[in-house]
Amino acid sequence: MRFFLVGRRRPNPLLVAYRWRYEMGLAASAVTGWAELPSSTALTAAGLLAATTAAAAIEPRCRRVLVHASQHVIVQHRVRTGCLQAGLANRAGQLPRIMYTRTQGDVATLSLWLPAGLAPEDLAAESRRLAAACGALDVQVVRASGQDWVWLVVTRPRWGMPDR
């Protein structure tokens, strides 16, 4: 168990942009799409949005793609927040960096690069606290090829639906 307080320093603006790349891309495409539409076709735009939403709700493949994309974004934020809440940072306040995320069903696998001063054993010792902090049922830490890489396997019953 880690007993020292971790001072959190301000992240680099490029790191913030990297962490929020999906949201910024979605916002940029929404702004671009809105700016490209003439004001007289607002009803047409609303109709296209309704048709797209209905197609995503009816077609299972579209729904699966949307669910995986949202899980991909949500699990990164939850794990990052969970690491912060569980105190999983080095003495300089650096959190593990999420390099790769893969979601499949109720399981998300993340590749984490650990900063100097943070060992895989630290994550394994705090796996229950990390699971509670990021809202997961279980978190397993699997050591990867080097000392500074781990695979984090996050299991949760139905993301966003705690009863299932």
N, C-alpha and C. Protein backbone atom coordinates (compact mmCIF):
# COMPACT_ATOMS: atom_id res chain seq x y z
N MET A 1 0.85 -1.18 0.00
CA MET A 1 0.00 0.00 0.00
C MET A 1 0.89 1.24 0.00
N ARG A 2 0.52 2.23 -0.76
CA ARG A 2 1.31 3.46 -0.90
C ARG A 2 0.82 4.47 0.13
N PHE A 3 1.73 4.90 1.03
CA PHE A 3 1.32 5.79 2.11
C PHE A 3 1.72 7.25 1.88
N PHE A 4 2.52 7.54 0.88
CA PHE A 4 2.94 8.92 0.68
C PHE A 4 1.94 9.64 -0.22
N LEU A 5 1.82 10.92 0.00
CA LEU A 5 0.93 11.73 -0.83
C LEU A 5 1.65 12.09 -2.12
N VAL A 6 0.94 12.00 -3.19
CA VAL A 6 1.51 12.29 -4.49
C VAL A 6 1.12 13.70 -4.90
N GLY A 7 2.11 14.53 -5.14
CA GLY A 7 1.84 15.88 -5.62
C GLY A 7 1.56 15.80 -7.12
N ARG A 8 0.45 16.31 -7.52
CA ARG A 8 0.06 16.22 -8.93
C ARG A 8 0.48 17.49 -9.63
N ARG A 9 1.31 17.37 -10.64
CA ARG A 9 1.74 18.54 -11.38
C ARG A 9 0.86 18.71 -12.62
N ARG A 10 0.90 19.90 -13.19
CA ARG A 10 0.10 20.18 -14.38
C ARG A 10 0.65 19.41 -15.56
N PRO A 11 -0.21 18.74 -16.32
CA PRO A 11 0.27 18.00 -17.48
C PRO A 11 0.65 18.93 -18.63
N ASN A 12 1.49 18.43 -19.48
CA ASN A 12 1.91 19.14 -20.68
C ASN A 12 0.68 19.35 -21.57
N PRO A 13 0.52 20.53 -22.19
CA PRO A 13 -0.65 20.75 -23.06
C PRO A 13 -0.74 19.76 -24.23
N LEU A 14 0.39 19.30 -24.74
CA LEU A 14 0.35 18.29 -25.80
C LEU A 14 -0.19 16.96 -25.27
N LEU A 15 0.15 16.63 -24.02
CA LEU A 15 -0.38 15.41 -23.41
C LEU A 15 -1.89 15.53 -23.20
N VAL A 16 -2.35 16.70 -22.80
CA VAL A 16 -3.79 16.93 -22.64
C VAL A 16 -4.50 16.77 -23.98
N ALA A 17 -3.91 17.35 -25.02
CA ALA A 17 -4.51 17.22 -26.36
C ALA A 17 -4.53 15.76 -26.81
N TYR A 18 -3.48 15.00 -26.49
CA TYR A 18 -3.45 13.59 -26.85
C TYR A 18 -4.51 12.80 -26.10
N ARG A 19 -4.67 13.09 -24.82
CA ARG A 19 -5.66 12.36 -24.01
C ARG A 19 -7.09 12.64 -24.46
N TRP A 20 -7.35 13.84 -24.94
CA TRP A 20 -8.69 14.24 -25.34
C TRP A 20 -8.85 14.25 -26.86
N ARG A 21 -8.06 13.48 -27.58
CA ARG A 21 -8.06 13.53 -29.05
C ARG A 21 -9.38 13.09 -29.65
N TYR A 22 -10.04 12.11 -29.08
CA TYR A 22 -11.31 11.64 -29.63
C TYR A 22 -12.40 12.71 -29.47
N GLU A 23 -12.47 13.30 -28.28
CA GLU A 23 -13.48 14.31 -28.02
C GLU A 23 -13.25 15.56 -28.87
N MET A 24 -11.98 15.97 -29.01
CA MET A 24 -11.68 17.15 -29.82
C MET A 24 -11.98 16.89 -31.30
N GLY A 25 -11.70 15.67 -31.77
CA GLY A 25 -12.02 15.33 -33.15
C GLY A 25 -13.52 15.34 -33.40
N LEU A 26 -14.28 14.80 -32.45
CA LEU A 26 -15.74 14.81 -32.57
C LEU A 26 -16.29 16.24 -32.55
N ALA A 27 -15.75 17.06 -31.65
CA ALA A 27 -16.21 18.45 -31.58
C ALA A 27 -15.83 19.22 -32.85
N ALA A 28 -14.63 18.98 -33.37
CA ALA A 28 -14.21 19.68 -34.59
C ALA A 28 -15.07 19.27 -35.78
N SER A 29 -15.40 17.98 -35.89
CA SER A 29 -16.25 17.57 -37.01
C SER A 29 -17.68 18.07 -36.85
N ALA A 30 -18.16 18.18 -35.61
CA ALA A 30 -19.50 18.73 -35.40
C ALA A 30 -19.54 20.22 -35.77
N VAL A 31 -18.52 20.96 -35.37
CA VAL A 31 -18.46 22.38 -35.71
C VAL A 31 -18.33 22.58 -37.22
N THR A 32 -17.48 21.76 -37.84
CA THR A 32 -17.31 21.86 -39.29
C THR A 32 -18.61 21.51 -40.01
N GLY A 33 -19.26 20.46 -39.58
CA GLY A 33 -20.53 20.07 -40.20
C GLY A 33 -21.59 21.14 -40.02
N TRP A 34 -21.63 21.74 -38.84
CA TRP A 34 -22.62 22.78 -38.59
C TRP A 34 -22.32 24.03 -39.42
N ALA A 35 -21.05 24.37 -39.57
CA ALA A 35 -20.69 25.56 -40.34
C ALA A 35 -20.94 25.36 -41.83
N GLU A 36 -20.84 24.13 -42.30
CA GLU A 36 -21.04 23.85 -43.72
C GLU A 36 -22.51 23.83 -44.11
N LEU A 37 -23.39 23.62 -43.16
CA LEU A 37 -24.82 23.58 -43.48
C LEU A 37 -25.37 24.98 -43.63
N PRO A 38 -26.05 25.26 -44.70
CA PRO A 38 -26.73 26.56 -44.79
C PRO A 38 -27.88 26.60 -43.78
N SER A 39 -28.23 27.78 -43.33
CA SER A 39 -29.25 27.90 -42.30
C SER A 39 -30.63 27.46 -42.78
N SER A 40 -30.87 27.46 -44.09
CA SER A 40 -32.18 27.07 -44.60
C SER A 40 -32.40 25.55 -44.56
N THR A 41 -31.35 24.79 -44.35
CA THR A 41 -31.49 23.33 -44.35
C THR A 41 -31.41 22.75 -42.94
N ALA A 42 -31.79 23.52 -41.93
CA ALA A 42 -31.76 23.02 -40.56
C ALA A 42 -32.72 21.84 -40.39
N LEU A 43 -33.87 21.91 -41.04
CA LEU A 43 -34.83 20.81 -40.97
C LEU A 43 -34.27 19.56 -41.64
N THR A 44 -33.57 19.74 -42.74
CA THR A 44 -32.93 18.60 -43.42
C THR A 44 -31.86 17.99 -42.54
N ALA A 45 -31.08 18.81 -41.86
CA ALA A 45 -30.03 18.31 -40.97
C ALA A 45 -30.64 17.54 -39.81
N ALA A 46 -31.73 18.04 -39.26
CA ALA A 46 -32.40 17.33 -38.17
C ALA A 46 -32.95 15.99 -38.65
N GLY A 47 -33.49 15.97 -39.88
CA GLY A 47 -33.99 14.71 -40.45
C GLY A 47 -32.87 13.70 -40.68
N LEU A 48 -31.72 14.17 -41.17
CA LEU A 48 -30.58 13.27 -41.37
C LEU A 48 -30.06 12.73 -40.05
N LEU A 49 -30.02 13.57 -39.02
CA LEU A 49 -29.59 13.13 -37.70
C LEU A 49 -30.55 12.08 -37.14
N ALA A 50 -31.85 12.30 -37.30
CA ALA A 50 -32.84 11.33 -36.82
C ALA A 50 -32.73 10.01 -37.59
N ALA A 51 -32.51 10.09 -38.91
CA ALA A 51 -32.37 8.86 -39.71
C ALA A 51 -31.10 8.09 -39.32
N THR A 52 -30.02 8.80 -39.08
CA THR A 52 -28.77 8.15 -38.67
C THR A 52 -28.93 7.50 -37.30
N THR A 53 -29.59 8.19 -36.39
CA THR A 53 -29.82 7.62 -35.05
C THR A 53 -30.71 6.39 -35.13
N ALA A 54 -31.74 6.44 -35.96
CA ALA A 54 -32.63 5.28 -36.12
C ALA A 54 -31.88 4.11 -36.75
N ALA A 55 -31.03 4.39 -37.74
CA ALA A 55 -30.26 3.31 -38.36
C ALA A 55 -29.31 2.67 -37.36
N ALA A 56 -28.71 3.48 -36.51
CA ALA A 56 -27.80 2.93 -35.50
C ALA A 56 -28.55 2.12 -34.46
N ALA A 57 -29.79 2.51 -34.17
CA ALA A 57 -30.58 1.77 -33.19
C ALA A 57 -31.11 0.46 -33.77
N ILE A 58 -31.39 0.44 -35.07
CA ILE A 58 -31.97 -0.75 -35.69
C ILE A 58 -30.91 -1.76 -36.12
N GLU A 59 -29.86 -1.29 -36.74
CA GLU A 59 -28.83 -2.18 -37.29
C GLU A 59 -27.83 -2.60 -36.20
N PRO A 60 -27.73 -3.89 -35.90
CA PRO A 60 -26.82 -4.35 -34.83
C PRO A 60 -25.35 -4.03 -35.09
N ARG A 61 -24.91 -4.08 -36.34
CA ARG A 61 -23.50 -3.79 -36.62
C ARG A 61 -23.17 -2.33 -36.33
N CYS A 62 -24.05 -1.43 -36.71
CA CYS A 62 -23.84 0.00 -36.41
C CYS A 62 -23.83 0.23 -34.90
N ARG A 63 -24.75 -0.40 -34.21
CA ARG A 63 -24.83 -0.26 -32.76
C ARG A 63 -23.57 -0.79 -32.10
N ARG A 64 -23.06 -1.94 -32.58
CA ARG A 64 -21.85 -2.54 -32.02
C ARG A 64 -20.65 -1.62 -32.21
N VAL A 65 -20.54 -1.00 -33.38
CA VAL A 65 -19.43 -0.08 -33.64
C VAL A 65 -19.52 1.13 -32.71
N LEU A 66 -20.71 1.68 -32.53
CA LEU A 66 -20.87 2.83 -31.64
C LEU A 66 -20.58 2.48 -30.19
N VAL A 67 -21.01 1.29 -29.75
CA VAL A 67 -20.76 0.86 -28.37
C VAL A 67 -19.26 0.67 -28.15
N HIS A 68 -18.57 0.02 -29.09
CA HIS A 68 -17.13 -0.18 -28.95
C HIS A 68 -16.37 1.14 -28.96
N ALA A 69 -16.79 2.06 -29.81
CA ALA A 69 -16.11 3.36 -29.86
C ALA A 69 -16.31 4.13 -28.56
N SER A 70 -17.52 4.09 -28.02
CA SER A 70 -17.75 4.80 -26.76
C SER A 70 -17.04 4.12 -25.60
N GLN A 71 -17.01 2.79 -25.57
CA GLN A 71 -16.27 2.09 -24.53
C GLN A 71 -14.78 2.40 -24.61
N HIS A 72 -14.27 2.49 -25.81
CA HIS A 72 -12.86 2.78 -26.02
C HIS A 72 -12.48 4.11 -25.39
N VAL A 73 -13.34 5.10 -25.52
CA VAL A 73 -13.06 6.42 -24.94
C VAL A 73 -13.32 6.42 -23.44
N ILE A 74 -14.44 5.84 -23.02
CA ILE A 74 -14.83 5.89 -21.61
C ILE A 74 -13.85 5.13 -20.73
N VAL A 75 -13.40 3.96 -21.17
CA VAL A 75 -12.53 3.15 -20.31
C VAL A 75 -11.18 3.84 -20.10
N GLN A 76 -10.69 4.59 -21.09
CA GLN A 76 -9.43 5.31 -20.89
C GLN A 76 -9.58 6.37 -19.81
N HIS A 77 -10.68 7.12 -19.85
CA HIS A 77 -10.90 8.15 -18.84
C HIS A 77 -11.11 7.53 -17.46
N ARG A 78 -11.83 6.43 -17.41
CA ARG A 78 -12.07 5.78 -16.11
C ARG A 78 -10.79 5.23 -15.50
N VAL A 79 -9.96 4.61 -16.32
CA VAL A 79 -8.70 4.05 -15.79
C VAL A 79 -7.76 5.18 -15.37
N ARG A 80 -7.69 6.24 -16.15
CA ARG A 80 -6.84 7.37 -15.79
C ARG A 80 -7.31 7.99 -14.47
N THR A 81 -8.62 8.18 -14.32
CA THR A 81 -9.16 8.71 -13.08
C THR A 81 -8.96 7.72 -11.94
N GLY A 82 -9.10 6.43 -12.22
CA GLY A 82 -8.88 5.41 -11.20
C GLY A 82 -7.44 5.39 -10.72
N CYS A 83 -6.49 5.57 -11.62
CA CYS A 83 -5.07 5.63 -11.22
C CYS A 83 -4.83 6.84 -10.32
N LEU A 84 -5.46 7.95 -10.66
CA LEU A 84 -5.31 9.15 -9.84
C LEU A 84 -5.93 8.95 -8.47
N GLN A 85 -7.13 8.39 -8.42
CA GLN A 85 -7.83 8.19 -7.15
C GLN A 85 -7.14 7.14 -6.28
N ALA A 86 -6.53 6.14 -6.91
CA ALA A 86 -5.85 5.09 -6.15
C ALA A 86 -4.43 5.50 -5.77
N GLY A 87 -3.96 6.65 -6.21
CA GLY A 87 -2.62 7.11 -5.87
C GLY A 87 -1.53 6.41 -6.66
N LEU A 88 -1.86 5.93 -7.84
CA LEU A 88 -0.89 5.21 -8.66
C LEU A 88 -0.14 6.20 -9.55
N ALA A 89 0.81 6.86 -8.96
CA ALA A 89 1.66 7.81 -9.68
C ALA A 89 3.04 7.77 -9.02
N ASN A 90 4.04 8.23 -9.74
CA ASN A 90 5.37 8.26 -9.12
C ASN A 90 5.50 9.52 -8.26
N ARG A 91 6.66 9.74 -7.69
CA ARG A 91 6.85 10.88 -6.78
C ARG A 91 6.71 12.22 -7.49
N ALA A 92 6.94 12.25 -8.79
CA ALA A 92 6.79 13.49 -9.55
C ALA A 92 5.33 13.74 -9.94
N GLY A 93 4.43 12.79 -9.66
CA GLY A 93 3.02 12.96 -9.96
C GLY A 93 2.62 12.48 -11.34
N GLN A 94 3.49 11.73 -12.02
CA GLN A 94 3.16 11.24 -13.36
C GLN A 94 2.32 9.98 -13.27
N LEU A 95 1.23 9.97 -14.00
CA LEU A 95 0.36 8.80 -14.07
C LEU A 95 0.87 7.85 -15.14
N PRO A 96 0.48 6.57 -15.09
CA PRO A 96 0.82 5.66 -16.19
C PRO A 96 0.17 6.16 -17.49
N ARG A 97 0.87 5.98 -18.59
CA ARG A 97 0.36 6.42 -19.88
C ARG A 97 -0.35 5.26 -20.57
N ILE A 98 -1.56 5.51 -21.04
CA ILE A 98 -2.32 4.50 -21.76
C ILE A 98 -1.90 4.57 -23.22
N MET A 99 -1.28 3.51 -23.70
CA MET A 99 -0.75 3.51 -25.05
C MET A 99 -1.69 2.85 -26.05
N TYR A 100 -2.44 1.85 -25.60
CA TYR A 100 -3.29 1.09 -26.51
C TYR A 100 -4.49 0.58 -25.73
N THR A 101 -5.66 0.62 -26.34
CA THR A 101 -6.88 0.12 -25.71
C THR A 101 -7.61 -0.77 -26.70
N ARG A 102 -8.10 -1.88 -26.18
CA ARG A 102 -8.91 -2.78 -27.00
C ARG A 102 -10.10 -3.22 -26.16
N THR A 103 -11.30 -3.04 -26.69
CA THR A 103 -12.50 -3.46 -25.98
C THR A 103 -13.15 -4.60 -26.74
N GLN A 104 -13.63 -5.55 -25.98
CA GLN A 104 -14.34 -6.68 -26.58
C GLN A 104 -15.36 -7.17 -25.56
N GLY A 105 -16.61 -6.87 -25.83
CA GLY A 105 -17.66 -7.26 -24.90
C GLY A 105 -17.54 -6.48 -23.60
N ASP A 106 -17.51 -7.19 -22.51
CA ASP A 106 -17.41 -6.57 -21.19
C ASP A 106 -15.98 -6.49 -20.69
N VAL A 107 -15.00 -6.73 -21.54
CA VAL A 107 -13.60 -6.71 -21.14
C VAL A 107 -12.85 -5.67 -21.96
N ALA A 108 -12.08 -4.87 -21.28
CA ALA A 108 -11.22 -3.89 -21.95
C ALA A 108 -9.79 -4.20 -21.56
N THR A 109 -8.91 -4.24 -22.55
CA THR A 109 -7.50 -4.50 -22.32
C THR A 109 -6.73 -3.24 -22.68
N LEU A 110 -5.93 -2.77 -21.73
CA LEU A 110 -5.16 -1.55 -21.93
C LEU A 110 -3.68 -1.85 -21.78
N SER A 111 -2.88 -1.25 -22.64
CA SER A 111 -1.43 -1.33 -22.52
C SER A 111 -0.97 -0.06 -21.84
N LEU A 112 -0.32 -0.22 -20.67
CA LEU A 112 0.12 0.94 -19.90
C LEU A 112 1.64 1.01 -19.90
N TRP A 113 2.17 2.20 -20.08
CA TRP A 113 3.59 2.46 -19.94
C TRP A 113 3.78 3.15 -18.62
N LEU A 114 4.54 2.53 -17.73
CA LEU A 114 4.71 3.05 -16.38
C LEU A 114 5.88 4.03 -16.33
N PRO A 115 5.69 5.18 -15.68
CA PRO A 115 6.81 6.10 -15.54
C PRO A 115 7.83 5.57 -14.54
N ALA A 116 9.02 6.12 -14.57
CA ALA A 116 10.06 5.70 -13.63
C ALA A 116 9.58 5.93 -12.20
N GLY A 117 9.78 4.94 -11.35
CA GLY A 117 9.34 5.03 -9.97
C GLY A 117 8.05 4.31 -9.68
N LEU A 118 7.42 3.76 -10.70
CA LEU A 118 6.18 3.01 -10.53
C LEU A 118 6.39 1.62 -11.10
N ALA A 119 6.20 0.60 -10.27
CA ALA A 119 6.45 -0.78 -10.67
C ALA A 119 5.14 -1.50 -10.96
N PRO A 120 5.19 -2.58 -11.74
CA PRO A 120 3.97 -3.37 -11.97
C PRO A 120 3.38 -3.92 -10.69
N GLU A 121 4.23 -4.18 -9.70
CA GLU A 121 3.74 -4.69 -8.41
C GLU A 121 2.87 -3.65 -7.70
N ASP A 122 3.16 -2.36 -7.93
CA ASP A 122 2.33 -1.31 -7.33
C ASP A 122 0.91 -1.36 -7.88
N LEU A 123 0.80 -1.56 -9.18
CA LEU A 123 -0.53 -1.67 -9.79
C LEU A 123 -1.24 -2.94 -9.32
N ALA A 124 -0.50 -4.04 -9.23
CA ALA A 124 -1.11 -5.30 -8.79
C ALA A 124 -1.58 -5.19 -7.34
N ALA A 125 -0.82 -4.50 -6.49
CA ALA A 125 -1.21 -4.35 -5.09
C ALA A 125 -2.45 -3.47 -4.94
N GLU A 126 -2.64 -2.55 -5.85
CA GLU A 126 -3.76 -1.62 -5.77
C GLU A 126 -4.88 -1.95 -6.77
N SER A 127 -4.91 -3.20 -7.26
CA SER A 127 -5.88 -3.54 -8.31
C SER A 127 -7.32 -3.45 -7.81
N ARG A 128 -7.58 -3.82 -6.57
CA ARG A 128 -8.95 -3.72 -6.05
C ARG A 128 -9.38 -2.27 -5.90
N ARG A 129 -8.46 -1.44 -5.43
CA ARG A 129 -8.78 -0.02 -5.29
C ARG A 129 -8.94 0.62 -6.66
N LEU A 130 -8.13 0.21 -7.62
CA LEU A 130 -8.25 0.72 -8.99
C LEU A 130 -9.58 0.29 -9.60
N ALA A 131 -10.00 -0.95 -9.33
CA ALA A 131 -11.29 -1.43 -9.85
C ALA A 131 -12.44 -0.62 -9.25
N ALA A 132 -12.37 -0.34 -7.96
CA ALA A 132 -13.42 0.45 -7.33
C ALA A 132 -13.42 1.89 -7.83
N ALA A 133 -12.24 2.44 -8.05
CA ALA A 133 -12.15 3.84 -8.48
C ALA A 133 -12.63 4.03 -9.91
N CYS A 134 -12.42 3.04 -10.76
CA CYS A 134 -12.85 3.22 -12.16
C CYS A 134 -14.16 2.50 -12.44
N GLY A 135 -14.83 1.99 -11.42
CA GLY A 135 -16.15 1.40 -11.60
C GLY A 135 -16.14 0.06 -12.28
N ALA A 136 -15.10 -0.72 -12.08
CA ALA A 136 -14.99 -2.02 -12.73
C ALA A 136 -15.31 -3.14 -11.75
N LEU A 137 -15.66 -4.28 -12.30
CA LEU A 137 -15.90 -5.46 -11.47
C LEU A 137 -14.57 -6.04 -11.01
N ASP A 138 -13.61 -6.10 -11.91
CA ASP A 138 -12.31 -6.67 -11.60
C ASP A 138 -11.25 -6.03 -12.49
N VAL A 139 -10.05 -5.89 -11.95
CA VAL A 139 -8.90 -5.40 -12.71
C VAL A 139 -7.76 -6.37 -12.48
N GLN A 140 -7.20 -6.88 -13.57
CA GLN A 140 -6.06 -7.78 -13.49
C GLN A 140 -4.86 -7.11 -14.14
N VAL A 141 -3.71 -7.24 -13.50
CA VAL A 141 -2.48 -6.67 -14.02
C VAL A 141 -1.61 -7.80 -14.53
N VAL A 142 -1.26 -7.74 -15.82
CA VAL A 142 -0.43 -8.76 -16.45
C VAL A 142 0.85 -8.09 -16.89
N ARG A 143 1.98 -8.60 -16.44
CA ARG A 143 3.26 -8.01 -16.80
C ARG A 143 3.57 -8.27 -18.27
N ALA A 144 4.00 -7.23 -18.94
CA ALA A 144 4.36 -7.33 -20.36
C ALA A 144 5.86 -7.60 -20.47
N SER A 145 6.44 -7.30 -21.61
CA SER A 145 7.82 -7.70 -21.90
C SER A 145 8.85 -7.01 -21.02
N GLY A 146 8.66 -5.77 -20.64
CA GLY A 146 9.68 -5.06 -19.87
C GLY A 146 9.19 -4.66 -18.50
N GLN A 147 10.06 -3.98 -17.75
CA GLN A 147 9.70 -3.52 -16.41
C GLN A 147 8.70 -2.37 -16.44
N ASP A 148 8.67 -1.63 -17.54
CA ASP A 148 7.83 -0.45 -17.57
C ASP A 148 6.56 -0.61 -18.41
N TRP A 149 6.21 -1.82 -18.79
CA TRP A 149 4.99 -2.09 -19.56
C TRP A 149 4.14 -3.11 -18.83
N VAL A 150 2.84 -2.85 -18.77
CA VAL A 150 1.89 -3.83 -18.22
C VAL A 150 0.64 -3.83 -19.09
N TRP A 151 -0.06 -4.95 -19.05
CA TRP A 151 -1.39 -5.06 -19.65
C TRP A 151 -2.37 -5.00 -18.50
N LEU A 152 -3.36 -4.14 -18.62
CA LEU A 152 -4.39 -4.00 -17.61
C LEU A 152 -5.68 -4.55 -18.21
N VAL A 153 -6.24 -5.59 -17.60
CA VAL A 153 -7.46 -6.20 -18.09
C VAL A 153 -8.59 -5.78 -17.14
N VAL A 154 -9.50 -4.97 -17.67
CA VAL A 154 -10.60 -4.40 -16.88
C VAL A 154 -11.87 -5.14 -17.26
N THR A 155 -12.51 -5.75 -16.25
CA THR A 155 -13.75 -6.49 -16.48
C THR A 155 -14.88 -5.77 -15.77
N ARG A 156 -15.95 -5.58 -16.51
CA ARG A 156 -17.11 -4.90 -15.94
C ARG A 156 -18.38 -5.44 -16.57
N PRO A 157 -19.41 -5.73 -15.77
CA PRO A 157 -20.65 -6.22 -16.36
C PRO A 157 -21.44 -5.09 -17.02
N ARG A 158 -21.52 -5.11 -18.32
CA ARG A 158 -22.30 -4.14 -19.11
C ARG A 158 -21.94 -2.71 -18.76
N TRP A 159 -21.02 -2.14 -19.48
CA TRP A 159 -20.54 -0.78 -19.24
C TRP A 159 -21.71 0.19 -19.16
N GLY A 160 -21.80 0.87 -18.02
CA GLY A 160 -22.83 1.88 -17.85
C GLY A 160 -24.15 1.32 -17.34
N MET A 161 -24.30 0.00 -17.31
CA MET A 161 -25.52 -0.62 -16.81
C MET A 161 -25.16 -1.55 -15.67
N PRO A 162 -25.17 -1.08 -14.41
CA PRO A 162 -24.66 -1.89 -13.31
C PRO A 162 -25.50 -3.13 -13.00
N ASP A 163 -26.77 -3.18 -13.40
CA ASP A 163 -27.60 -4.34 -13.07
C ASP A 163 -27.33 -5.54 -13.96
N ARG A 164 -26.73 -5.34 -15.13
CA ARG A 164 -26.52 -6.44 -16.05
C ARG A 164 -25.17 -7.03 -15.91
